[in-house]
Structures are given as structure tokens and as C-alpha cells.
Amino acid sequence: MRDRVNKKPQYKFKFDWRMSLFTLVFLPLLISLGFLQLQREQQKIAAENVYEQRQLAPVVDVATIDWNTNDLNWVYVRASGHFNNERQLLLDNRINKSVVGYEVLTPFHTNHGTLLINRGWIPQGASRNVLPTVDISEDVMIITGHIYVPDGSLMVLGEEESDSNSWPKVVQKVDFQYIKDVIGGDIRPHLIRLDEKSAGVLQTNWSAINMRPEVHLAYAVQWFIMALVLTVLYLLFSFKKTET
């Protein structure tokens, strides 16, 4: 009887094909999602470093910009030309200090092509049916700002306005093919966000990146914890106590 009391419990692995299949499918997925978030964290850190370096760099004239290069994000540029007051766009669902509004995108014609300028944020107003006034002088002026290259696709909440005679147009994303179709001309492929002291600027609320690196790290930890939990559950359900 004493031997029976002191005897350690025995466990035996019992194969369950459904549980095994589930674990085989989702465990690699969870781990890969964790490493993907770690990769995104490093990308955001690198983007922050580039942003900080280029804030200190001297201004570059747009006439010298090679628009075919991939290394243009946050380059500080200067351009001379005039705004197109008749062909402006309102980028929808832009939030500033918990207030919904638009970012105003205005073509800026230069001797070296047309630039699409993000002049800044304005509030939506009392009704979406009445668009805010975005008029600007078409006199020749000098503007300064940073080239902005988005690091991902924006969530689209609706289709673009189709009425070609209605201006300004409300758009849900910056689609350069659509913009070329409705505005025309030789439009350069990236936005320029005006700096706060530039001619033509509205209210700036720019951020270097749309998500902090720490957020991606937190997501990675969550995915790895889920992978660990799945592994533990698989082992708990697979090893059964045997009767001796």
C-alpha cells in the first residue's frame, strides 16, 4: 500500500489529429506574425532616424530632385511657383486633437512639373454637405516643406467623388492616378507637406510615422504569448495520465 501511495503518476502522449492539425497550422502563423511585428518595429526605428536626420539637413531645390529614386522620404525641399486654386482636394477623415476635418491638397505649378502640396488640416464644420473654404492666392510664391512617402496603404472608407465639375473634391486616399486624371498635367509622384512657416500653410499636425515602434513591439509580445499558450494547451491535452 505504501508503494502505491509513493508511486509517481505516469503520462502518455495521445495523438489527436484535430488538435495536432490545429496546432500545426496556427503555431507557425502566430510565430511569424510576432517576427513580422519585430521587423516592423525595426523599420519604424529606421524611419524615425531618417526623419530626425533630414530635419537637420539643408533645403533642396525641387529642380534637383530625382523623382525616380526610392530615397525621398522627408527630404526638405523648396519650390517657386503658384497654387492652382481651382483644382483642390480634401483628404477626408483627418483627425486633429479629436476634431474631425480634412487635409487640403493643392496643386502647385512650377517650371519643373506640378507638385501636390498638403497645406495642412482644417476642421470639417457643422455639416459634411457644406465644404469648408480653401481659397488661396495664385500669385507666384516660394514654399518649403518635406516630401512625404507613405509607408503603407490607407484604409478607404468610401469611393472617390465622381462629379468632375465639383471642386474641391473630397477623396479618401491619395491616389495619384486618380489625381492625374482629374487635375491633369505632369504631377510629381509624392506629396509635399508644408512646414509651419511656409507660404500657403494651414494648420500642421504632421507625425513622422503613423505608429510608434513600441506599439509593434507590444503586438509582437502578444503574438508570441499566444503561440506559447497554444503550445502549452496542446501539451496539456495531448499527455494523458495513465492508470497503473
Protein backbone atom coordinates (compact mmCIF):
# COMPACT_ATOMS: atom_id res chain seq x y z
CA MET A 1 0.00 0.00 0.00
CA ARG A 2 2.92 2.34 0.77
CA ASP A 3 4.34 1.70 -2.72
CA ARG A 4 1.02 2.65 -4.25
CA VAL A 5 0.98 5.98 -2.38
CA ASN A 6 4.54 6.92 -3.30
CA LYS A 7 4.24 5.90 -6.91
CA LYS A 8 4.60 8.84 -9.35
CA PRO A 9 1.79 9.36 -11.89
CA GLN A 10 2.57 8.24 -15.42
CA TYR A 11 1.64 10.25 -18.51
CA LYS A 12 1.33 9.03 -22.06
CA PHE A 13 1.15 11.02 -25.26
CA LYS A 14 -2.15 10.53 -27.04
CA PHE A 15 -2.25 11.72 -30.62
CA ASP A 16 -5.32 13.74 -31.57
CA TRP A 17 -5.22 14.58 -35.26
CA ARG A 18 -7.63 17.53 -34.95
CA MET A 19 -5.69 19.18 -32.15
CA SER A 20 -2.41 18.42 -33.90
CA LEU A 21 -3.63 19.86 -37.20
CA PHE A 22 -4.90 22.99 -35.47
CA THR A 23 -1.57 23.49 -33.71
CA LEU A 24 0.42 22.73 -36.86
CA VAL A 25 -1.47 25.42 -38.76
CA PHE A 26 -1.70 28.18 -36.18
CA LEU A 27 1.55 27.87 -34.23
CA PRO A 28 3.81 28.83 -37.18
CA LEU A 29 1.33 31.56 -38.09
CA LEU A 30 1.44 33.13 -34.62
CA ILE A 31 5.23 32.96 -34.50
CA SER A 32 5.57 34.50 -37.98
CA LEU A 33 3.20 37.32 -37.01
CA GLY A 34 5.35 38.02 -33.97
CA PHE A 35 8.52 38.23 -36.05
CA LEU A 36 6.70 40.39 -38.61
CA GLN A 37 5.88 42.90 -35.87
CA LEU A 38 9.53 42.88 -34.74
CA GLN A 39 10.51 43.62 -38.33
CA ARG A 40 8.01 46.47 -38.47
CA GLU A 41 9.44 47.82 -35.22
CA GLN A 42 12.91 47.99 -36.77
CA GLN A 43 11.52 49.65 -39.89
CA LYS A 44 9.83 52.31 -37.79
CA ILE A 45 13.03 52.91 -35.80
CA ALA A 46 14.94 53.33 -39.07
CA ALA A 47 12.24 55.71 -40.37
CA GLU A 48 12.47 57.80 -37.21
CA ASN A 49 16.25 58.04 -37.62
CA VAL A 50 15.88 59.18 -41.23
CA TYR A 51 13.26 61.73 -40.19
CA GLU A 52 15.49 63.18 -37.46
CA GLN A 53 18.49 63.39 -39.77
CA ARG A 54 16.57 65.13 -42.53
CA GLN A 55 15.07 67.68 -40.19
CA LEU A 56 18.62 68.99 -39.79
CA ALA A 57 19.57 68.78 -43.48
CA PRO A 58 19.72 71.89 -45.70
CA VAL A 59 16.83 72.67 -48.01
CA VAL A 60 16.98 71.23 -51.55
CA ASP A 61 15.52 72.91 -54.63
CA VAL A 62 12.91 70.73 -56.34
CA ALA A 63 14.66 71.33 -59.66
CA THR A 64 17.44 68.99 -58.48
CA ILE A 65 15.18 66.20 -57.20
CA ASP A 66 15.32 62.82 -58.94
CA TRP A 67 11.72 61.69 -58.52
CA ASN A 68 12.58 58.15 -59.63
CA THR A 69 14.70 57.41 -56.59
CA ASN A 70 13.30 55.50 -53.62
CA ASP A 71 15.10 57.59 -51.02
CA LEU A 72 13.00 60.75 -50.89
CA ASN A 73 11.02 60.46 -47.69
CA TRP A 74 11.29 63.61 -45.53
CA VAL A 75 13.70 65.38 -47.89
CA TYR A 76 13.39 69.11 -47.14
CA VAL A 77 12.58 70.96 -50.37
CA ARG A 78 11.92 74.45 -51.66
CA ALA A 79 9.92 75.36 -54.77
CA SER A 80 8.89 78.50 -56.61
CA GLY A 81 5.60 78.62 -58.46
CA HIS A 82 1.89 79.21 -57.94
CA PHE A 83 -1.02 77.29 -56.46
CA ASN A 84 -3.98 76.11 -58.55
CA ASN A 85 -6.94 77.47 -56.63
CA GLU A 86 -9.50 75.79 -58.91
CA ARG A 87 -8.37 72.16 -58.53
CA GLN A 88 -8.09 71.42 -54.83
CA LEU A 89 -8.75 68.17 -52.97
CA LEU A 90 -9.88 67.49 -49.42
CA LEU A 91 -8.40 64.36 -47.85
CA ASP A 92 -11.24 63.05 -45.72
CA ASN A 93 -11.36 61.79 -42.12
CA ARG A 94 -8.27 63.58 -40.80
CA ILE A 95 -8.41 63.98 -37.03
CA ASN A 96 -6.59 66.70 -35.13
CA LYS A 97 -6.96 66.89 -31.33
CA SER A 98 -10.10 64.74 -31.51
CA VAL A 99 -11.73 67.03 -34.10
CA VAL A 100 -12.67 65.56 -37.49
CA GLY A 101 -11.61 67.50 -40.55
CA TYR A 102 -9.74 67.45 -43.84
CA GLU A 103 -6.22 67.90 -45.11
CA VAL A 104 -6.10 70.30 -48.05
CA LEU A 105 -4.23 69.08 -51.13
CA THR A 106 -3.47 71.80 -53.66
CA PRO A 107 -1.57 71.54 -56.97
CA PHE A 108 1.48 73.81 -57.13
CA HIS A 109 2.73 74.56 -60.64
CA THR A 110 6.47 75.07 -61.13
CA ASN A 111 8.82 75.17 -64.11
CA HIS A 112 9.81 71.60 -63.20
CA GLY A 113 6.40 69.96 -63.02
CA THR A 114 3.35 70.13 -60.78
CA LEU A 115 3.68 69.30 -57.10
CA LEU A 116 0.80 68.07 -54.96
CA ILE A 117 1.02 70.08 -51.76
CA ASN A 118 -0.52 69.10 -48.46
CA ARG A 119 -1.19 72.53 -46.98
CA GLY A 120 -2.41 71.20 -43.64
CA TRP A 121 -5.54 70.50 -41.66
CA ILE A 122 -8.87 72.32 -41.44
CA PRO A 123 -11.98 71.39 -39.41
CA GLN A 124 -14.91 69.75 -41.14
CA GLY A 125 -17.52 72.22 -39.97
CA ALA A 126 -21.13 71.74 -38.94
CA SER A 127 -22.11 69.59 -41.92
CA ARG A 128 -20.41 67.33 -44.45
CA ASN A 129 -22.75 68.74 -47.09
CA VAL A 130 -21.10 72.16 -46.86
CA LEU A 131 -17.40 72.01 -47.63
CA PRO A 132 -15.01 74.47 -45.95
CA THR A 133 -13.45 77.35 -47.87
CA VAL A 134 -9.92 76.55 -49.04
CA ASP A 135 -9.22 79.51 -51.35
CA ILE A 136 -5.59 80.55 -51.77
CA SER A 137 -3.78 83.19 -53.80
CA GLU A 138 -2.42 82.13 -57.18
CA ASP A 139 0.41 84.67 -57.03
CA VAL A 140 3.95 83.39 -57.53
CA MET A 141 5.44 82.38 -54.18
CA ILE A 142 8.13 80.24 -52.62
CA ILE A 143 7.11 77.28 -50.48
CA THR A 144 9.10 74.91 -48.28
CA GLY A 145 8.18 71.50 -46.95
CA HIS A 146 9.09 67.84 -46.68
CA ILE A 147 8.45 65.12 -49.23
CA TYR A 148 6.13 62.54 -47.71
CA VAL A 149 6.17 58.91 -48.85
CA PRO A 150 3.51 56.83 -47.02
CA ASP A 151 4.74 53.56 -45.50
CA GLY A 152 1.53 51.65 -46.20
CA SER A 153 -1.94 51.74 -47.69
CA LEU A 154 -4.58 53.91 -46.11
CA MET A 155 -7.91 52.45 -45.10
CA VAL A 156 -10.52 53.61 -47.60
CA LEU A 157 -13.95 54.42 -46.19
CA GLY A 158 -15.69 55.18 -49.46
CA GLU A 159 -15.35 55.79 -53.16
CA GLU A 160 -13.92 58.95 -54.67
CA GLU A 161 -16.22 61.73 -55.81
CA SER A 162 -17.23 61.22 -59.44
CA ASP A 163 -18.59 64.67 -60.33
CA SER A 164 -15.79 66.16 -62.43
CA ASN A 165 -17.33 69.66 -62.22
CA SER A 166 -17.44 69.81 -58.42
CA TRP A 167 -14.47 71.40 -56.62
CA PRO A 168 -12.94 70.97 -54.17
CA LYS A 169 -13.23 67.20 -54.34
CA VAL A 170 -13.37 65.01 -51.24
CA VAL A 171 -11.07 61.98 -51.51
CA GLN A 172 -10.48 59.10 -49.14
CA LYS A 173 -6.85 58.47 -50.06
CA VAL A 174 -4.03 59.91 -52.13
CA ASP A 175 -4.36 58.02 -55.40
CA PHE A 176 -2.01 59.70 -57.86
CA GLN A 177 -3.54 58.03 -60.90
CA TYR A 178 -6.96 59.38 -59.95
CA ILE A 179 -5.45 62.78 -59.18
CA LYS A 180 -3.71 62.93 -62.56
CA ASP A 181 -6.99 62.05 -64.26
CA VAL A 182 -8.97 64.83 -62.57
CA ILE A 183 -6.27 67.52 -62.43
CA GLY A 184 -4.11 66.71 -65.44
CA GLY A 185 -0.56 67.81 -66.06
CA ASP A 186 2.81 66.42 -65.07
CA ILE A 187 2.23 65.74 -61.36
CA ARG A 188 5.21 64.55 -59.33
CA PRO A 189 4.63 61.20 -57.57
CA HIS A 190 4.81 62.21 -53.89
CA LEU A 191 3.10 64.65 -51.57
CA ILE A 192 4.93 67.59 -50.08
CA ARG A 193 3.84 68.55 -46.58
CA LEU A 194 4.36 72.25 -45.96
CA ASP A 195 6.37 73.28 -42.95
CA GLU A 196 4.75 75.55 -40.40
CA LYS A 197 6.48 78.70 -41.67
CA SER A 198 5.85 78.17 -45.38
CA ALA A 199 3.68 80.34 -47.57
CA GLY A 200 0.23 78.81 -48.05
CA VAL A 201 0.32 76.67 -44.92
CA LEU A 202 -2.77 75.94 -42.85
CA GLN A 203 -2.63 74.00 -39.57
CA THR A 204 0.12 71.39 -39.49
CA ASN A 205 -0.26 68.22 -37.46
CA TRP A 206 2.34 66.03 -39.12
CA SER A 207 3.86 62.99 -37.47
CA ALA A 208 6.95 61.18 -38.71
CA ILE A 209 5.31 57.75 -38.64
CA ASN A 210 1.75 56.54 -38.22
CA MET A 211 2.58 54.08 -35.43
CA ARG A 212 5.30 54.16 -32.78
CA PRO A 213 7.91 51.34 -32.73
CA GLU A 214 6.84 50.44 -29.18
CA VAL A 215 3.37 49.54 -30.45
CA HIS A 216 4.81 46.96 -32.85
CA LEU A 217 6.91 45.52 -30.05
CA ALA A 218 3.80 45.17 -27.89
CA TYR A 219 1.99 43.41 -30.74
CA ALA A 220 4.95 41.05 -31.19
CA VAL A 221 4.88 40.13 -27.50
CA GLN A 222 1.15 39.40 -27.77
CA TRP A 223 1.63 37.08 -30.74
CA PHE A 224 4.47 35.21 -29.01
CA ILE A 225 2.39 34.82 -25.84
CA MET A 226 -0.46 33.38 -27.89
CA ALA A 227 1.99 30.94 -29.51
CA LEU A 228 3.22 29.89 -26.07
CA VAL A 229 -0.32 29.42 -24.77
CA LEU A 230 -1.22 27.31 -27.80
CA THR A 231 1.86 25.12 -27.21
CA VAL A 232 1.04 24.64 -23.53
CA LEU A 233 -2.59 23.77 -24.30
CA TYR A 234 -1.52 21.28 -26.93
CA LEU A 235 0.77 19.51 -24.47
CA LEU A 236 -1.84 19.53 -21.71
CA PHE A 237 -4.48 17.98 -23.94
CA SER A 238 -2.06 15.51 -25.57
CA PHE A 239 -0.48 13.96 -22.47
CA LYS A 240 -2.96 11.88 -20.52
CA LYS A 241 -2.47 10.34 -17.10
CA THR A 242 -2.36 6.57 -17.30
CA GLU A 243 -3.73 4.18 -14.75
CA THR A 244 -1.21 1.67 -13.32
